[in-house]
N, C-alpha and C. Protein backbone atom coordinates (compact mmCIF):
# COMPACT_ATOMS: atom_id res chain seq x y z
N MET A 1 -10.32 7.78 -16.52
CA MET A 1 -9.93 7.53 -17.94
C MET A 1 -10.77 6.43 -18.55
N GLY A 2 -11.16 5.38 -17.97
CA GLY A 2 -11.79 4.20 -18.56
C GLY A 2 -13.14 4.65 -19.07
N THR A 3 -13.87 5.70 -18.45
CA THR A 3 -15.15 6.12 -19.01
C THR A 3 -14.83 6.84 -20.37
N ALA A 4 -13.93 7.71 -20.24
CA ALA A 4 -13.41 8.38 -21.54
C ALA A 4 -13.21 7.46 -22.78
N LEU A 5 -12.39 6.44 -22.37
CA LEU A 5 -12.06 5.45 -23.39
C LEU A 5 -13.30 4.73 -23.99
N ALA A 6 -14.22 4.37 -22.99
CA ALA A 6 -15.53 3.91 -23.43
C ALA A 6 -16.41 4.54 -24.39
N LYS A 7 -16.43 5.93 -24.05
CA LYS A 7 -17.16 6.86 -24.78
C LYS A 7 -16.26 7.10 -26.16
N TYR A 8 -15.13 7.09 -26.25
CA TYR A 8 -14.30 7.13 -27.52
C TYR A 8 -14.60 5.93 -28.07
N ASP A 9 -14.78 4.76 -27.77
CA ASP A 9 -15.04 3.56 -28.53
C ASP A 9 -16.35 3.54 -28.96
N ALA A 10 -17.34 3.90 -28.19
CA ALA A 10 -18.76 4.20 -28.42
C ALA A 10 -19.07 5.06 -29.59
N ALA A 11 -18.29 6.20 -29.69
CA ALA A 11 -18.39 7.10 -30.70
C ALA A 11 -17.95 6.61 -31.95
N ARG A 12 -16.76 5.94 -31.79
CA ARG A 12 -16.20 5.38 -33.15
C ARG A 12 -17.16 4.29 -33.69
N HIS A 13 -17.72 3.74 -32.97
CA HIS A 13 -18.83 2.41 -33.37
C HIS A 13 -20.03 3.23 -34.07
N ALA A 14 -20.47 4.15 -33.26
CA ALA A 14 -21.60 5.01 -33.70
C ALA A 14 -21.39 5.61 -35.04
N LEU A 15 -20.31 6.09 -35.30
CA LEU A 15 -19.69 6.70 -36.63
C LEU A 15 -19.79 5.74 -37.54
N GLN A 16 -19.06 4.48 -37.47
CA GLN A 16 -19.00 3.51 -38.24
C GLN A 16 -20.47 2.93 -38.69
N ALA A 17 -21.39 2.76 -37.78
CA ALA A 17 -22.81 2.27 -38.04
C ALA A 17 -23.50 3.41 -38.47
N ALA A 18 -23.29 4.58 -38.51
CA ALA A 18 -24.17 5.60 -39.00
C ALA A 18 -24.48 5.57 -40.64
N SER A 19 -25.62 5.55 -40.94
CA SER A 19 -25.97 5.46 -42.47
C SER A 19 -26.80 6.58 -42.90
N LYS A 20 -27.01 7.62 -42.22
CA LYS A 20 -27.53 8.96 -42.50
C LYS A 20 -26.77 10.19 -41.98
N ILE A 21 -26.90 11.04 -42.89
CA ILE A 21 -26.21 12.28 -42.39
C ILE A 21 -26.35 12.80 -40.94
N ASP A 22 -27.74 12.78 -40.71
CA ASP A 22 -28.22 13.26 -39.32
C ASP A 22 -27.39 12.35 -38.20
N GLU A 23 -27.17 11.24 -38.49
CA GLU A 23 -26.72 10.12 -37.44
C GLU A 23 -25.13 10.79 -37.33
N VAL A 24 -24.46 10.91 -38.56
CA VAL A 24 -23.02 11.41 -38.49
C VAL A 24 -22.99 12.77 -37.89
N LYS A 25 -23.74 13.74 -38.19
CA LYS A 25 -23.76 15.12 -37.60
C LYS A 25 -24.02 14.86 -36.01
N LEU A 26 -24.81 14.08 -35.42
CA LEU A 26 -24.98 13.85 -34.17
C LEU A 26 -23.69 13.47 -33.54
N VAL A 27 -22.93 12.46 -34.03
CA VAL A 27 -21.54 12.16 -33.61
C VAL A 27 -20.66 13.29 -33.59
N HIS A 28 -20.74 14.04 -34.57
CA HIS A 28 -19.67 15.06 -34.79
C HIS A 28 -20.09 16.07 -33.55
N ASP A 29 -21.14 16.54 -33.56
CA ASP A 29 -21.66 17.42 -32.49
C ASP A 29 -21.34 16.97 -31.01
N LYS A 30 -21.39 15.65 -30.86
CA LYS A 30 -21.22 15.21 -29.38
C LYS A 30 -19.49 15.24 -29.31
N ALA A 31 -18.78 14.99 -30.39
CA ALA A 31 -17.32 14.94 -30.43
C ALA A 31 -16.79 16.49 -30.04
N VAL A 32 -17.42 17.43 -30.71
CA VAL A 32 -17.30 18.73 -30.43
C VAL A 32 -17.54 19.21 -28.99
N ALA A 33 -18.68 18.70 -28.34
CA ALA A 33 -18.97 18.94 -27.16
C ALA A 33 -17.88 18.32 -25.99
N MET A 34 -17.56 17.23 -26.32
CA MET A 34 -16.62 16.39 -25.58
C MET A 34 -15.17 16.94 -25.67
N ALA A 35 -14.64 17.52 -26.93
CA ALA A 35 -13.52 18.44 -26.96
C ALA A 35 -13.54 19.76 -26.06
N LEU A 36 -14.64 20.15 -26.09
CA LEU A 36 -14.72 21.43 -25.24
C LEU A 36 -14.66 21.11 -23.86
N TYR A 37 -15.37 20.10 -23.38
CA TYR A 37 -15.23 19.64 -22.00
C TYR A 37 -13.72 19.44 -21.75
N ALA A 38 -13.19 18.69 -22.54
CA ALA A 38 -11.75 18.21 -22.32
C ALA A 38 -10.83 19.33 -22.26
N GLN A 39 -11.01 20.39 -23.07
CA GLN A 39 -10.22 21.51 -22.82
C GLN A 39 -10.39 22.27 -21.63
N GLN A 40 -11.59 22.39 -21.01
CA GLN A 40 -11.78 22.69 -19.82
C GLN A 40 -11.14 22.10 -18.72
N ALA A 41 -11.23 20.62 -18.79
CA ALA A 41 -10.56 19.80 -17.88
C ALA A 41 -9.09 19.75 -18.02
N LYS A 42 -8.68 20.29 -19.16
CA LYS A 42 -7.26 20.21 -19.48
C LYS A 42 -6.68 18.82 -19.56
N ASP A 43 -7.46 18.03 -20.25
CA ASP A 43 -7.38 16.67 -20.60
C ASP A 43 -6.76 16.44 -22.14
N THR A 44 -5.65 16.47 -22.34
CA THR A 44 -4.99 16.43 -23.62
C THR A 44 -5.31 15.25 -24.27
N GLN A 45 -5.32 14.08 -23.60
CA GLN A 45 -5.63 12.97 -24.21
C GLN A 45 -7.18 12.64 -24.78
N LEU A 46 -7.93 13.13 -23.88
CA LEU A 46 -9.47 13.25 -24.24
C LEU A 46 -9.64 14.15 -25.56
N ILE A 47 -8.84 15.45 -25.44
CA ILE A 47 -8.95 16.29 -26.43
C ILE A 47 -8.53 15.74 -27.91
N GLY A 48 -7.39 14.93 -27.91
CA GLY A 48 -6.98 14.16 -29.00
C GLY A 48 -8.13 13.29 -29.47
N TRP A 49 -8.65 12.50 -28.53
CA TRP A 49 -9.69 11.49 -29.00
C TRP A 49 -10.91 12.09 -29.65
N ALA A 50 -11.32 13.22 -28.76
CA ALA A 50 -12.64 13.88 -29.51
C ALA A 50 -12.29 14.52 -30.79
N THR A 51 -11.05 15.20 -30.88
CA THR A 51 -10.70 15.75 -32.37
C THR A 51 -10.58 14.65 -33.09
N GLU A 52 -10.40 13.55 -32.98
CA GLU A 52 -10.10 12.51 -34.03
C GLU A 52 -11.68 12.00 -34.38
N ILE A 53 -12.37 11.82 -33.48
CA ILE A 53 -13.78 11.49 -33.70
C ILE A 53 -14.54 12.49 -34.59
N LYS A 54 -14.26 13.83 -34.21
CA LYS A 54 -14.86 14.96 -34.81
C LYS A 54 -14.37 14.97 -36.45
N LEU A 55 -13.07 14.83 -36.56
CA LEU A 55 -12.54 14.77 -38.06
C LEU A 55 -12.93 13.81 -38.89
N ARG A 56 -13.08 12.51 -38.16
CA ARG A 56 -13.63 11.49 -38.87
C ARG A 56 -15.06 11.44 -39.35
N ALA A 57 -15.89 12.17 -38.49
CA ALA A 57 -17.14 12.35 -38.78
C ALA A 57 -17.27 13.36 -39.84
N GLU A 58 -16.40 14.49 -39.74
CA GLU A 58 -16.55 15.30 -40.92
C GLU A 58 -16.10 14.78 -42.34
N ARG A 59 -15.17 13.84 -42.10
CA ARG A 59 -14.83 13.16 -43.43
C ARG A 59 -15.97 12.17 -44.02
N ARG A 60 -16.69 11.54 -42.82
CA ARG A 60 -17.83 10.71 -43.21
C ARG A 60 -19.09 11.27 -43.94
N ALA A 61 -19.23 12.59 -43.15
CA ALA A 61 -20.39 13.46 -43.61
C ALA A 61 -19.94 13.91 -44.93
N GLY A 62 -18.66 14.41 -45.19
CA GLY A 62 -18.28 14.96 -46.52
C GLY A 62 -18.48 13.94 -47.43
N ALA A 63 -18.23 12.78 -47.45
CA ALA A 63 -18.51 11.51 -48.28
C ALA A 63 -19.99 11.45 -48.65
N MET A 64 -20.83 11.73 -47.59
CA MET A 64 -22.24 11.42 -47.87
C MET A 64 -22.63 12.63 -48.56
N LEU A 65 -22.35 13.81 -48.15
CA LEU A 65 -22.71 15.07 -48.91
C LEU A 65 -22.41 15.07 -50.27
N ALA A 66 -21.22 14.64 -50.75
CA ALA A 66 -20.82 14.53 -52.02
C ALA A 66 -21.57 13.74 -52.95
N LYS A 67 -22.40 12.69 -52.37
CA LYS A 67 -23.09 11.91 -52.95
C LYS A 67 -24.66 12.27 -53.20
N MET A 68 -24.94 13.36 -52.29
CA MET A 68 -26.29 13.89 -52.29
C MET A 68 -26.46 14.56 -53.69
N THR A 69 -27.83 14.64 -54.07
CA THR A 69 -28.27 15.51 -55.12
C THR A 69 -28.25 16.90 -54.70
N LYS A 70 -27.74 17.80 -55.50
CA LYS A 70 -27.44 19.21 -55.23
C LYS A 70 -28.89 19.86 -55.55
N GLN A 71 -29.06 21.05 -54.93
CA GLN A 71 -30.21 21.80 -55.02
C GLN A 71 -30.13 22.42 -56.49
N ALA A 72 -31.10 22.70 -57.32
CA ALA A 72 -31.10 23.29 -58.51
C ALA A 72 -31.48 24.74 -58.38
N GLY A 73 -30.66 25.69 -58.82
CA GLY A 73 -30.88 27.04 -58.90
C GLY A 73 -31.04 27.77 -57.56
N ALA A 74 -30.53 29.03 -57.61
CA ALA A 74 -30.48 29.58 -56.38
C ALA A 74 -30.30 31.19 -56.76
N LYS A 75 -31.12 32.32 -56.13
CA LYS A 75 -31.03 33.60 -56.53
C LYS A 75 -30.82 33.93 -57.87
N GLY A 76 -31.61 33.20 -58.81
CA GLY A 76 -31.60 33.56 -60.21
C GLY A 76 -30.49 32.99 -61.04
N ILE A 77 -29.83 32.09 -60.39
CA ILE A 77 -28.67 31.38 -60.86
C ILE A 77 -29.17 29.89 -61.28
N GLY A 78 -28.87 29.47 -62.43
CA GLY A 78 -29.27 28.06 -62.95
C GLY A 78 -30.73 28.01 -63.16
N LYS A 79 -31.37 26.86 -62.84
CA LYS A 79 -32.61 26.60 -63.50
C LYS A 79 -33.57 27.27 -62.26
N LYS A 80 -34.81 27.62 -62.72
CA LYS A 80 -35.70 28.17 -61.81
C LYS A 80 -36.09 27.09 -60.71
N LYS A 81 -36.15 27.49 -59.62
CA LYS A 81 -36.59 26.70 -58.56
C LYS A 81 -38.20 26.17 -58.65
N VAL A 82 -38.19 24.91 -58.61
CA VAL A 82 -39.51 24.24 -58.78
C VAL A 82 -40.09 24.19 -57.25
N GLU A 83 -41.50 24.19 -57.33
CA GLU A 83 -42.09 23.94 -55.85
C GLU A 83 -41.59 22.50 -55.35
N SER A 84 -41.13 22.64 -53.93
CA SER A 84 -40.68 21.47 -53.52
C SER A 84 -41.68 20.30 -53.28
N SER A 85 -41.04 19.13 -53.26
CA SER A 85 -41.82 18.10 -53.16
C SER A 85 -41.03 17.02 -52.18
N LYS A 86 -41.77 16.05 -51.77
CA LYS A 86 -41.02 14.99 -50.88
C LYS A 86 -39.55 14.46 -51.44
N SER A 87 -39.55 14.32 -52.79
CA SER A 87 -38.32 13.89 -53.42
C SER A 87 -37.09 14.73 -53.56
N ASP A 88 -37.38 16.06 -53.23
CA ASP A 88 -36.37 16.89 -53.54
C ASP A 88 -35.37 16.87 -52.30
N PRO A 89 -34.08 17.13 -52.52
CA PRO A 89 -32.89 16.82 -51.64
C PRO A 89 -33.10 17.81 -50.34
N THR A 90 -32.52 17.20 -49.51
CA THR A 90 -32.68 18.00 -48.10
C THR A 90 -31.72 19.39 -48.18
N LEU A 91 -32.04 20.26 -47.74
CA LEU A 91 -31.19 21.64 -47.66
C LEU A 91 -30.17 21.54 -46.46
N LEU A 92 -28.84 22.03 -46.77
CA LEU A 92 -27.95 22.05 -45.84
C LEU A 92 -28.49 22.59 -44.42
N LYS A 93 -28.92 23.73 -44.55
CA LYS A 93 -29.44 24.41 -43.34
C LYS A 93 -30.60 23.48 -42.46
N ASP A 94 -31.36 22.58 -43.11
CA ASP A 94 -32.20 21.72 -42.35
C ASP A 94 -31.41 20.87 -41.61
N MET A 95 -30.11 20.41 -42.15
CA MET A 95 -29.44 19.33 -41.51
C MET A 95 -28.45 19.96 -40.53
N GLY A 96 -28.46 21.39 -40.36
CA GLY A 96 -27.61 21.88 -39.27
C GLY A 96 -26.16 22.24 -39.82
N ILE A 97 -25.93 22.10 -41.31
CA ILE A 97 -24.50 22.29 -41.93
C ILE A 97 -24.58 23.50 -42.62
N SER A 98 -23.69 24.40 -42.27
CA SER A 98 -23.33 25.59 -43.12
C SER A 98 -22.76 25.24 -44.66
N LYS A 99 -22.92 26.06 -45.42
CA LYS A 99 -22.04 25.77 -46.86
C LYS A 99 -20.73 25.69 -46.69
N ASN A 100 -20.26 26.41 -45.76
CA ASN A 100 -18.71 26.20 -45.44
C ASN A 100 -18.26 24.93 -44.88
N GLN A 101 -19.05 24.50 -44.11
CA GLN A 101 -18.92 23.09 -43.25
C GLN A 101 -18.91 22.01 -44.52
N SER A 102 -20.07 22.37 -45.28
CA SER A 102 -20.23 21.18 -46.39
C SER A 102 -19.00 21.18 -47.41
N SER A 103 -18.61 22.28 -47.62
CA SER A 103 -17.44 22.51 -48.58
C SER A 103 -16.12 21.82 -47.90
N GLN A 104 -15.95 22.28 -46.75
CA GLN A 104 -14.82 21.55 -46.08
C GLN A 104 -14.71 20.14 -45.81
N TRP A 105 -15.88 19.91 -45.38
CA TRP A 105 -16.01 18.17 -45.10
C TRP A 105 -15.74 17.58 -46.33
N GLN A 106 -16.42 18.06 -47.60
CA GLN A 106 -16.27 17.40 -48.82
C GLN A 106 -14.72 17.22 -49.27
N GLN A 107 -13.99 18.36 -48.96
CA GLN A 107 -12.52 18.31 -49.33
C GLN A 107 -11.89 17.46 -48.47
N ILE A 108 -12.14 17.12 -47.12
CA ILE A 108 -11.65 16.22 -46.28
C ILE A 108 -11.83 14.80 -46.77
N ALA A 109 -13.27 14.67 -47.15
CA ALA A 109 -13.63 13.34 -47.94
C ALA A 109 -12.69 12.99 -49.01
N ALA A 110 -12.36 13.88 -49.68
CA ALA A 110 -11.67 13.75 -51.05
C ALA A 110 -10.14 13.49 -50.62
N MET A 111 -9.80 13.64 -49.69
CA MET A 111 -8.21 13.48 -49.27
C MET A 111 -7.86 12.00 -49.35
N PRO A 112 -6.53 11.72 -49.96
CA PRO A 112 -6.28 10.46 -49.80
C PRO A 112 -6.19 9.86 -48.45
N ASP A 113 -6.39 8.65 -48.21
CA ASP A 113 -6.68 8.06 -46.85
C ASP A 113 -5.26 8.08 -46.16
N GLU A 114 -4.24 7.95 -46.89
CA GLU A 114 -2.87 7.99 -46.17
C GLU A 114 -2.53 9.42 -45.67
N THR A 115 -2.99 10.42 -46.33
CA THR A 115 -2.81 11.86 -45.99
C THR A 115 -3.66 12.05 -44.75
N PHE A 116 -4.99 11.58 -44.78
CA PHE A 116 -5.78 11.80 -43.58
C PHE A 116 -5.28 11.14 -42.35
N GLU A 117 -4.86 9.78 -42.58
CA GLU A 117 -4.51 9.06 -41.39
C GLU A 117 -3.10 9.53 -40.92
N ALA A 118 -2.14 10.07 -41.78
CA ALA A 118 -0.82 10.61 -41.37
C ALA A 118 -1.23 11.95 -40.60
N ALA A 119 -2.14 12.78 -41.02
CA ALA A 119 -2.27 14.04 -40.32
C ALA A 119 -2.85 13.70 -38.92
N LEU A 120 -3.72 12.80 -38.69
CA LEU A 120 -4.33 12.44 -37.35
C LEU A 120 -3.21 11.71 -36.59
N THR A 121 -2.39 10.88 -36.96
CA THR A 121 -1.45 10.43 -36.10
C THR A 121 -0.30 11.28 -35.76
N THR A 122 0.09 12.18 -36.55
CA THR A 122 1.28 13.26 -36.34
C THR A 122 0.74 14.41 -35.46
N ALA A 123 -0.62 14.44 -35.31
CA ALA A 123 -1.05 15.74 -34.45
C ALA A 123 -0.63 15.47 -32.98
N ASP A 124 -0.48 16.39 -32.36
CA ASP A 124 0.11 16.48 -30.78
C ASP A 124 -1.00 17.30 -30.14
N PRO A 125 -2.12 16.84 -29.47
CA PRO A 125 -3.03 17.58 -28.72
C PRO A 125 -2.48 18.40 -27.73
N GLU A 126 -1.23 18.02 -27.21
CA GLU A 126 -0.67 18.68 -26.01
C GLU A 126 -0.13 20.25 -26.46
N LYS A 127 0.33 20.10 -27.97
CA LYS A 127 0.95 21.41 -28.23
C LYS A 127 -0.28 22.39 -28.75
N LYS A 128 -0.98 21.60 -29.96
CA LYS A 128 -2.19 22.20 -30.53
C LYS A 128 -3.08 21.16 -31.20
N PRO A 129 -4.23 21.03 -30.83
CA PRO A 129 -5.26 20.02 -31.55
C PRO A 129 -5.48 20.34 -32.91
N LEU A 130 -5.50 19.34 -33.76
CA LEU A 130 -5.67 19.30 -35.17
C LEU A 130 -7.26 19.93 -35.38
N THR A 131 -7.10 20.95 -36.19
CA THR A 131 -8.42 21.63 -36.42
C THR A 131 -8.86 21.21 -38.11
N THR A 132 -9.99 21.35 -38.38
CA THR A 132 -10.40 21.22 -39.74
C THR A 132 -9.59 21.93 -40.85
N LYS A 133 -9.37 23.26 -40.37
CA LYS A 133 -8.52 23.98 -41.13
C LYS A 133 -7.22 23.61 -41.30
N ALA A 134 -6.55 23.23 -40.22
CA ALA A 134 -5.12 22.87 -40.35
C ALA A 134 -5.13 21.53 -41.05
N LEU A 135 -6.00 20.61 -41.00
CA LEU A 135 -6.21 19.34 -41.78
C LEU A 135 -6.21 19.81 -43.23
N LEU A 136 -6.87 20.65 -43.64
CA LEU A 136 -7.02 21.08 -44.98
C LEU A 136 -5.88 21.77 -45.52
N ALA A 137 -5.13 22.40 -44.80
CA ALA A 137 -3.94 22.92 -45.08
C ALA A 137 -2.88 21.87 -45.30
N THR A 138 -2.79 20.73 -44.81
CA THR A 138 -1.87 19.59 -44.99
C THR A 138 -1.88 19.33 -46.59
N VAL A 139 -3.00 19.64 -47.09
CA VAL A 139 -3.19 19.04 -48.65
C VAL A 139 -3.01 20.30 -49.40
N LYS A 140 -3.44 21.27 -49.04
CA LYS A 140 -3.46 22.63 -50.08
C LYS A 140 -2.03 23.15 -49.73
N GLY A 141 -1.54 23.11 -48.62
CA GLY A 141 -0.23 23.82 -48.52
C GLY A 141 -0.56 25.40 -48.09
N PRO A 142 0.32 26.24 -47.81
CA PRO A 142 0.18 27.43 -47.56
C PRO A 142 -0.41 28.35 -48.73
N ALA A 143 -1.23 29.23 -48.56
CA ALA A 143 -1.62 30.19 -49.58
C ALA A 143 -0.69 30.89 -50.27
N PRO A 144 -0.55 31.00 -51.52
CA PRO A 144 0.39 31.74 -52.23
C PRO A 144 0.33 33.33 -52.01
N LYS A 145 1.44 33.79 -51.74
CA LYS A 145 1.43 35.36 -51.52
C LYS A 145 1.14 35.91 -52.85
N LYS A 146 0.49 37.17 -52.71
CA LYS A 146 0.40 37.83 -54.17
C LYS A 146 1.49 38.75 -54.14
N GLU A 147 2.15 39.00 -55.43
CA GLU A 147 3.12 39.88 -55.76
C GLU A 147 2.50 41.20 -55.57
N PRO A 148 3.17 42.14 -55.07
CA PRO A 148 2.73 43.60 -55.09
C PRO A 148 2.01 44.18 -56.29
N ILE A 149 2.53 43.78 -57.43
CA ILE A 149 2.04 44.21 -58.80
C ILE A 149 0.63 43.53 -58.90
N GLU A 150 0.45 42.35 -58.57
CA GLU A 150 -0.84 41.69 -58.69
C GLU A 150 -1.97 42.24 -57.72
N LEU A 151 -1.45 42.74 -56.55
CA LEU A 151 -2.37 43.25 -55.64
C LEU A 151 -2.91 44.60 -56.22
N ALA A 152 -1.99 45.29 -56.70
CA ALA A 152 -2.16 46.88 -57.22
C ALA A 152 -3.14 46.66 -58.31
N ASP A 153 -3.25 45.51 -59.37
CA ASP A 153 -3.87 45.38 -60.27
C ASP A 153 -5.37 45.01 -59.80
N ASP A 154 -5.53 44.28 -58.83
CA ASP A 154 -6.60 43.83 -58.10
C ASP A 154 -7.40 45.17 -57.51
N VAL A 155 -6.60 45.93 -56.77
CA VAL A 155 -7.11 47.36 -56.39
C VAL A 155 -7.58 48.18 -57.37
N ARG A 156 -6.81 48.33 -58.54
CA ARG A 156 -7.28 49.06 -59.63
C ARG A 156 -8.63 48.65 -60.24
N ASP A 157 -8.63 47.22 -60.38
CA ASP A 157 -9.85 46.64 -61.06
C ASP A 157 -11.06 46.97 -60.14
N THR A 158 -10.86 46.74 -58.82
CA THR A 158 -12.01 47.06 -57.77
C THR A 158 -12.48 48.32 -57.81
N LEU A 159 -11.64 49.39 -57.86
CA LEU A 159 -11.80 50.71 -57.91
C LEU A 159 -12.65 51.32 -59.19
N ALA A 160 -12.17 50.55 -60.40
CA ALA A 160 -12.84 50.80 -61.57
C ALA A 160 -14.14 50.27 -61.60
N ALA A 161 -14.33 49.16 -60.97
CA ALA A 161 -15.76 48.47 -60.79
C ALA A 161 -16.69 49.21 -60.01
N LEU A 162 -15.97 49.99 -58.98
CA LEU A 162 -16.97 50.77 -58.02
C LEU A 162 -17.49 52.14 -58.67
N VAL A 163 -16.35 52.70 -59.28
CA VAL A 163 -16.79 54.04 -60.27
C VAL A 163 -17.70 53.71 -61.14
N LYS A 164 -17.58 52.43 -61.89
CA LYS A 164 -18.62 52.15 -62.95
C LYS A 164 -19.90 51.95 -62.30
N ARG A 165 -20.10 51.39 -61.32
CA ARG A 165 -21.27 51.19 -60.43
C ARG A 165 -22.03 52.16 -60.19
N TRP A 166 -21.39 53.33 -59.65
CA TRP A 166 -21.92 54.67 -59.23
C TRP A 166 -21.38 55.59 -60.12
N PRO A 167 -21.66 55.62 -61.35
CA PRO A 167 -20.94 56.72 -62.31
C PRO A 167 -21.26 58.32 -61.74
N THR A 168 -22.50 58.50 -61.47
CA THR A 168 -22.93 59.83 -60.94
C THR A 168 -22.31 60.39 -59.65
N LYS A 169 -21.84 59.32 -58.82
CA LYS A 169 -21.30 59.70 -57.46
C LYS A 169 -19.87 59.36 -57.46
N ARG A 170 -19.13 59.54 -58.71
CA ARG A 170 -17.69 59.26 -58.59
C ARG A 170 -17.00 59.85 -57.65
N ALA A 171 -17.01 61.24 -57.49
CA ALA A 171 -16.33 61.96 -56.28
C ALA A 171 -16.60 61.31 -54.97
N VAL A 172 -17.76 61.10 -54.57
CA VAL A 172 -18.08 60.73 -53.27
C VAL A 172 -17.48 59.06 -53.10
N VAL A 173 -17.53 58.39 -54.18
CA VAL A 173 -16.96 56.99 -54.15
C VAL A 173 -15.21 57.20 -53.97
N LEU A 174 -14.89 57.98 -54.67
CA LEU A 174 -13.32 58.16 -54.46
C LEU A 174 -12.97 58.86 -53.28
N ASP A 175 -13.68 59.71 -52.60
CA ASP A 175 -13.51 60.21 -51.36
C ASP A 175 -13.55 59.07 -50.34
N ASN A 176 -14.59 58.34 -50.46
CA ASN A 176 -14.65 57.22 -49.47
C ASN A 176 -13.47 56.07 -49.60
N ILE A 177 -13.11 56.22 -50.88
CA ILE A 177 -11.94 55.02 -51.07
C ILE A 177 -10.61 55.72 -50.25
N ARG A 178 -10.52 56.89 -50.60
CA ARG A 178 -9.31 57.72 -49.97
C ARG A 178 -9.32 57.54 -48.49
N ILE A 179 -10.49 57.78 -47.88
CA ILE A 179 -10.71 57.67 -46.39
C ILE A 179 -10.24 56.28 -45.86
N THR A 180 -10.95 55.40 -46.49
CA THR A 180 -10.56 53.89 -46.13
C THR A 180 -9.28 53.54 -46.39
N LEU A 181 -8.55 53.82 -47.54
CA LEU A 181 -7.24 53.51 -47.61
C LEU A 181 -6.37 54.28 -46.60
N GLY A 182 -6.69 55.47 -46.31
CA GLY A 182 -5.97 56.25 -45.10
C GLY A 182 -6.18 55.45 -43.74
N ASN A 183 -7.40 55.00 -43.43
CA ASN A 183 -7.60 54.23 -42.11
C ASN A 183 -6.69 52.94 -42.21
N LEU A 184 -6.69 52.22 -43.34
CA LEU A 184 -6.01 50.89 -43.45
C LEU A 184 -4.63 51.22 -43.32
N MET A 185 -4.12 52.33 -43.79
CA MET A 185 -2.66 52.70 -43.74
C MET A 185 -2.10 52.95 -42.42
N LYS A 186 -3.17 53.70 -41.64
CA LYS A 186 -2.96 54.04 -40.09
C LYS A 186 -3.09 52.80 -39.37
N GLY A 187 -3.75 51.79 -39.75
CA GLY A 187 -3.88 50.48 -39.00
C GLY A 187 -2.64 49.79 -39.08
N ALA A 188 -2.21 49.81 -40.41
CA ALA A 188 -1.01 48.86 -40.85
C ALA A 188 0.25 49.43 -40.04
N ALA A 189 0.22 50.81 -39.98
CA ALA A 189 1.47 51.44 -39.25
C ALA A 189 1.49 51.28 -37.77
N GLN A 190 0.32 51.05 -37.31
CA GLN A 190 0.37 50.88 -35.70
C GLN A 190 0.45 49.37 -35.34
N SER A 191 0.32 48.39 -36.49
CA SER A 191 0.73 46.94 -36.12
C SER A 191 2.00 46.63 -36.13
């Protein structure tokens, strides 16, 4: 276990010393690999350490991402894209970060320190390791359930939009909707 503790300390120091997003991402990726290894070895203590490093790296990366210059315009939205130059901001995909990861990591970075630290200290890797999604849920709370009337309104609005989109194929659209709803109802009855 001494080797694992040494790697944990080295990862924490590397994360503290990291000044570029790619350095933080490297620590993150190594922590993810360490957590996978620990799961295979059924080492709950190492799982906890690796998960903590991963989440701290996500928080650090989120803070860095929030400070970065955003890309201007995409898919016809916003300003027209200008030919790239050396001064353009780096793309998320070039850093190996998805839009979803960027969003989640920035949300973690925006969490109050007390909330973040409390979530890390109360996590029990023997029961269930703390995940990014679970960490974010500590701040957001459970998603509100839609009332049936709101859901019906959403379905009605969606159907109206589909019929409006293909007005000449209204019968086909409605038949496809009936079939889809029938399949959904069968699936719900079987569960």
